[in-house]
């Protein structure tokens, strides 16, 4: 019977399919309306909390990634600080050594200054003695010249410190 009307069979199949689809849609619409009326407020709260959990998980992942970055930077900063601390220790050691050397140099300089001062004092004393000797020598020379010229009379009785000088023609 249906083989005699192939177009009717196709039309009946399409009609059945479309009407089934319409009935399913209508049933779905009605069941959604009924569920919406009878919806438990806890279900919406649960969905809201699940959404909050998803947001919190994504925020936690971002924070964890940022924490890892900061930890890496902190590790690098600690390494840099260790290098700087080692350099500071080396510099302090060099400074202490230089201070010790400077103190020794200052001590030697003071000793040399004292020695130079003593030598300068001795030099001044020797110059003074040399001048005294030169003065005495010049006096002796002058005395011998006076004796040689006859201007000095030593035959006269005088005190030991008293010496008379006679001027020529006078």
Protein backbone atom coordinates (compact mmCIF):
# COMPACT_ATOMS: atom_id res chain seq x y z
CA UNK A 1 0.00 0.00 0.00
CA UNK A 2 2.68 2.52 0.83
CA UNK A 3 4.82 1.26 -1.99
CA UNK A 4 2.23 2.55 -4.41
CA UNK A 5 2.58 6.10 -3.05
CA UNK A 6 6.25 6.76 -2.43
CA UNK A 7 5.68 10.47 -2.10
CA UNK A 8 3.05 9.92 0.56
CA UNK A 9 5.48 7.80 2.55
CA UNK A 10 8.12 10.49 2.47
CA UNK A 11 5.58 13.13 3.38
CA UNK A 12 4.26 11.02 6.28
CA UNK A 13 7.80 10.44 7.57
CA UNK A 14 8.70 14.13 7.48
CA UNK A 15 5.36 15.04 9.09
CA UNK A 16 5.91 12.51 11.87
CA UNK A 17 9.44 13.78 12.46
CA UNK A 18 8.42 17.45 12.60
CA UNK A 19 5.46 16.75 14.85
CA UNK A 20 7.72 14.69 17.18
CA UNK A 21 10.20 17.51 17.28
CA UNK A 22 7.44 20.05 18.10
CA UNK A 23 6.05 17.81 20.84
CA UNK A 24 9.55 17.39 22.31
CA UNK A 25 10.15 21.12 22.30
CA UNK A 26 6.81 21.80 23.88
CA UNK A 27 7.43 19.14 26.52
CA UNK A 28 10.86 20.60 27.25
CA UNK A 29 9.36 24.09 27.54
CA UNK A 30 6.66 22.91 29.92
CA UNK A 31 9.09 20.92 32.06
CA UNK A 32 11.43 23.92 32.32
CA UNK A 33 8.55 26.09 33.46
CA UNK A 34 7.56 23.53 36.05
CA UNK A 35 11.11 23.14 37.25
CA UNK A 36 11.55 26.89 37.41
CA UNK A 37 8.47 27.17 39.60
CA UNK A 38 9.58 24.36 41.85
CA UNK A 39 13.28 25.31 41.81
CA UNK A 40 14.99 25.03 45.15
CA UNK A 41 16.86 28.24 46.10
CA UNK A 42 19.69 26.06 47.33
CA UNK A 43 20.28 24.88 43.76
CA UNK A 44 20.90 28.44 42.58
CA UNK A 45 23.10 29.02 45.61
CA UNK A 46 25.07 25.88 44.74
CA UNK A 47 25.52 27.05 41.14
CA UNK A 48 26.62 30.46 42.39
CA UNK A 49 29.12 28.89 44.77
CA UNK A 50 30.43 26.61 42.01
CA UNK A 51 30.99 29.68 39.83
CA UNK A 52 32.78 31.40 42.72
CA UNK A 53 34.97 28.33 43.19
CA UNK A 54 35.91 28.35 39.49
CA UNK A 55 36.78 32.06 39.73
CA UNK A 56 38.76 31.46 42.94
CA UNK A 57 40.65 28.57 41.31
CA UNK A 58 41.64 30.73 38.35
CA UNK A 59 42.66 33.57 40.71
CA UNK A 60 44.65 31.08 42.81
CA UNK A 61 46.43 29.80 39.71
CA UNK A 62 47.31 33.36 38.72
CA UNK A 63 48.49 34.12 42.25
CA UNK A 64 50.54 30.91 42.30
CA UNK A 65 52.18 31.86 39.01
CA UNK A 66 52.93 35.34 40.36
CA UNK A 67 54.30 33.81 43.58
CA UNK A 68 56.62 31.60 41.54
CA UNK A 69 57.84 34.69 39.65
CA UNK A 70 58.40 36.58 42.89
CA UNK A 71 60.21 33.61 44.43
CA UNK A 72 62.51 33.51 41.40
CA UNK A 73 63.21 37.24 41.75
CA UNK A 74 63.79 36.77 45.49
CA UNK A 75 66.27 33.97 44.82
CA UNK A 76 68.13 36.16 42.34
CA UNK A 77 68.12 39.06 44.82
CA UNK A 78 69.50 36.80 47.56
CA UNK A 79 72.29 35.64 45.25
CA UNK A 80 73.09 39.25 44.41
CA UNK A 81 73.11 40.14 48.11
CA UNK A 82 75.51 37.27 48.86
CA UNK A 83 77.83 38.52 46.13
CA UNK A 84 77.61 42.07 47.48
CA UNK A 85 78.20 40.85 51.05
CA UNK A 86 81.28 38.95 49.92
CA UNK A 87 82.53 42.05 48.12
CA UNK A 88 81.87 44.17 51.22
CA UNK A 89 83.81 41.72 53.39
CA UNK A 90 86.71 41.85 50.95
CA UNK A 91 86.58 45.65 50.90
CA UNK A 92 86.47 45.81 54.70
CA UNK A 93 89.47 43.47 54.88
CA UNK A 94 91.38 45.68 52.45
CA UNK A 95 90.37 48.79 54.40
CA UNK A 96 91.55 47.22 57.67
CA UNK A 97 94.86 46.28 56.05
CA UNK A 98 95.25 49.80 54.66
CA UNK A 99 94.48 51.29 58.08
CA UNK A 100 97.12 49.08 59.66
CA UNK A 101 99.62 50.07 56.98
CA UNK A 102 98.71 53.73 57.44
CA UNK A 103 99.19 53.52 61.21
CA UNK A 104 102.60 51.94 60.66
CA UNK A 105 103.52 54.61 58.13
CA UNK A 106 102.40 57.37 60.50
CA UNK A 107 104.45 55.82 63.31
CA UNK A 108 107.54 55.58 61.09
CA UNK A 109 106.98 59.15 59.90
CA UNK A 110 106.81 60.37 63.50
CA UNK A 111 109.99 58.48 64.36
CA UNK A 112 111.75 59.93 61.33
CA UNK A 113 110.55 63.43 62.23
CA UNK A 114 111.89 63.00 65.76
CA UNK A 115 115.21 61.78 64.38
CA UNK A 116 115.34 64.69 61.93
CA UNK A 117 114.53 67.08 64.77
CA UNK A 118 117.35 65.63 66.87
CA UNK A 119 119.75 65.84 63.94
CA UNK A 120 118.68 69.39 63.19
CA UNK A 121 119.23 70.28 66.86
CA UNK A 122 122.66 68.63 66.80
CA UNK A 123 123.41 70.42 63.55
CA UNK A 124 122.45 73.79 65.07
CA UNK A 125 124.57 73.05 68.16
CA UNK A 126 127.53 72.07 66.05
CA UNK A 127 127.13 75.25 63.97
CA UNK A 128 127.03 77.30 67.16
CA UNK A 129 130.16 75.54 68.43
CA UNK A 130 131.78 76.03 65.04
CA UNK A 131 131.01 79.76 65.18
CA UNK A 132 132.38 79.93 68.73
CA UNK A 133 135.51 78.16 67.58
CA UNK A 134 135.74 80.46 64.55
CA UNK A 135 135.28 83.46 66.85
CA UNK A 136 137.97 82.19 69.22
CA UNK A 137 140.20 81.46 66.25
CA UNK A 138 139.67 84.93 64.86
CA UNK A 139 140.42 86.39 68.32
CA UNK A 140 143.56 84.32 68.56
CA UNK A 141 144.49 85.35 65.05
CA UNK A 142 143.83 88.99 65.89
CA UNK A 143 145.88 88.63 69.08
CA UNK A 144 148.77 87.12 67.22
CA UNK A 145 148.54 89.88 64.64
CA UNK A 146 148.57 92.48 67.41
CA UNK A 147 151.49 90.79 69.08
CA UNK A 148 153.29 90.61 65.81
CA UNK A 149 152.75 94.30 65.15
CA UNK A 150 153.61 95.25 68.69
CA UNK A 151 150.35 96.84 69.51
CA UNK A 152 149.65 94.44 72.34
CA UNK A 153 151.84 94.75 75.42
CA UNK A 154 151.73 91.60 77.50
CA UNK A 155 154.60 92.58 79.75
CA UNK A 156 152.47 94.89 81.82
CA UNK A 157 150.95 93.43 84.86
CA UNK A 158 147.24 93.16 84.38
CA UNK A 159 144.47 90.97 85.52
CA UNK A 160 144.03 87.76 83.69
CA UNK A 161 140.96 89.07 81.94
CA UNK A 162 142.33 92.55 81.34
CA UNK A 163 144.16 93.04 78.07
CA UNK A 164 145.36 96.46 76.94
CA UNK A 165 145.51 97.41 73.38
CA UNK A 166 147.63 100.41 72.46
CA UNK A 167 146.91 102.29 69.44
CA UNK A 168 149.73 103.32 67.26
CA UNK A 169 150.67 106.90 67.77
CA UNK A 170 148.45 107.38 70.65
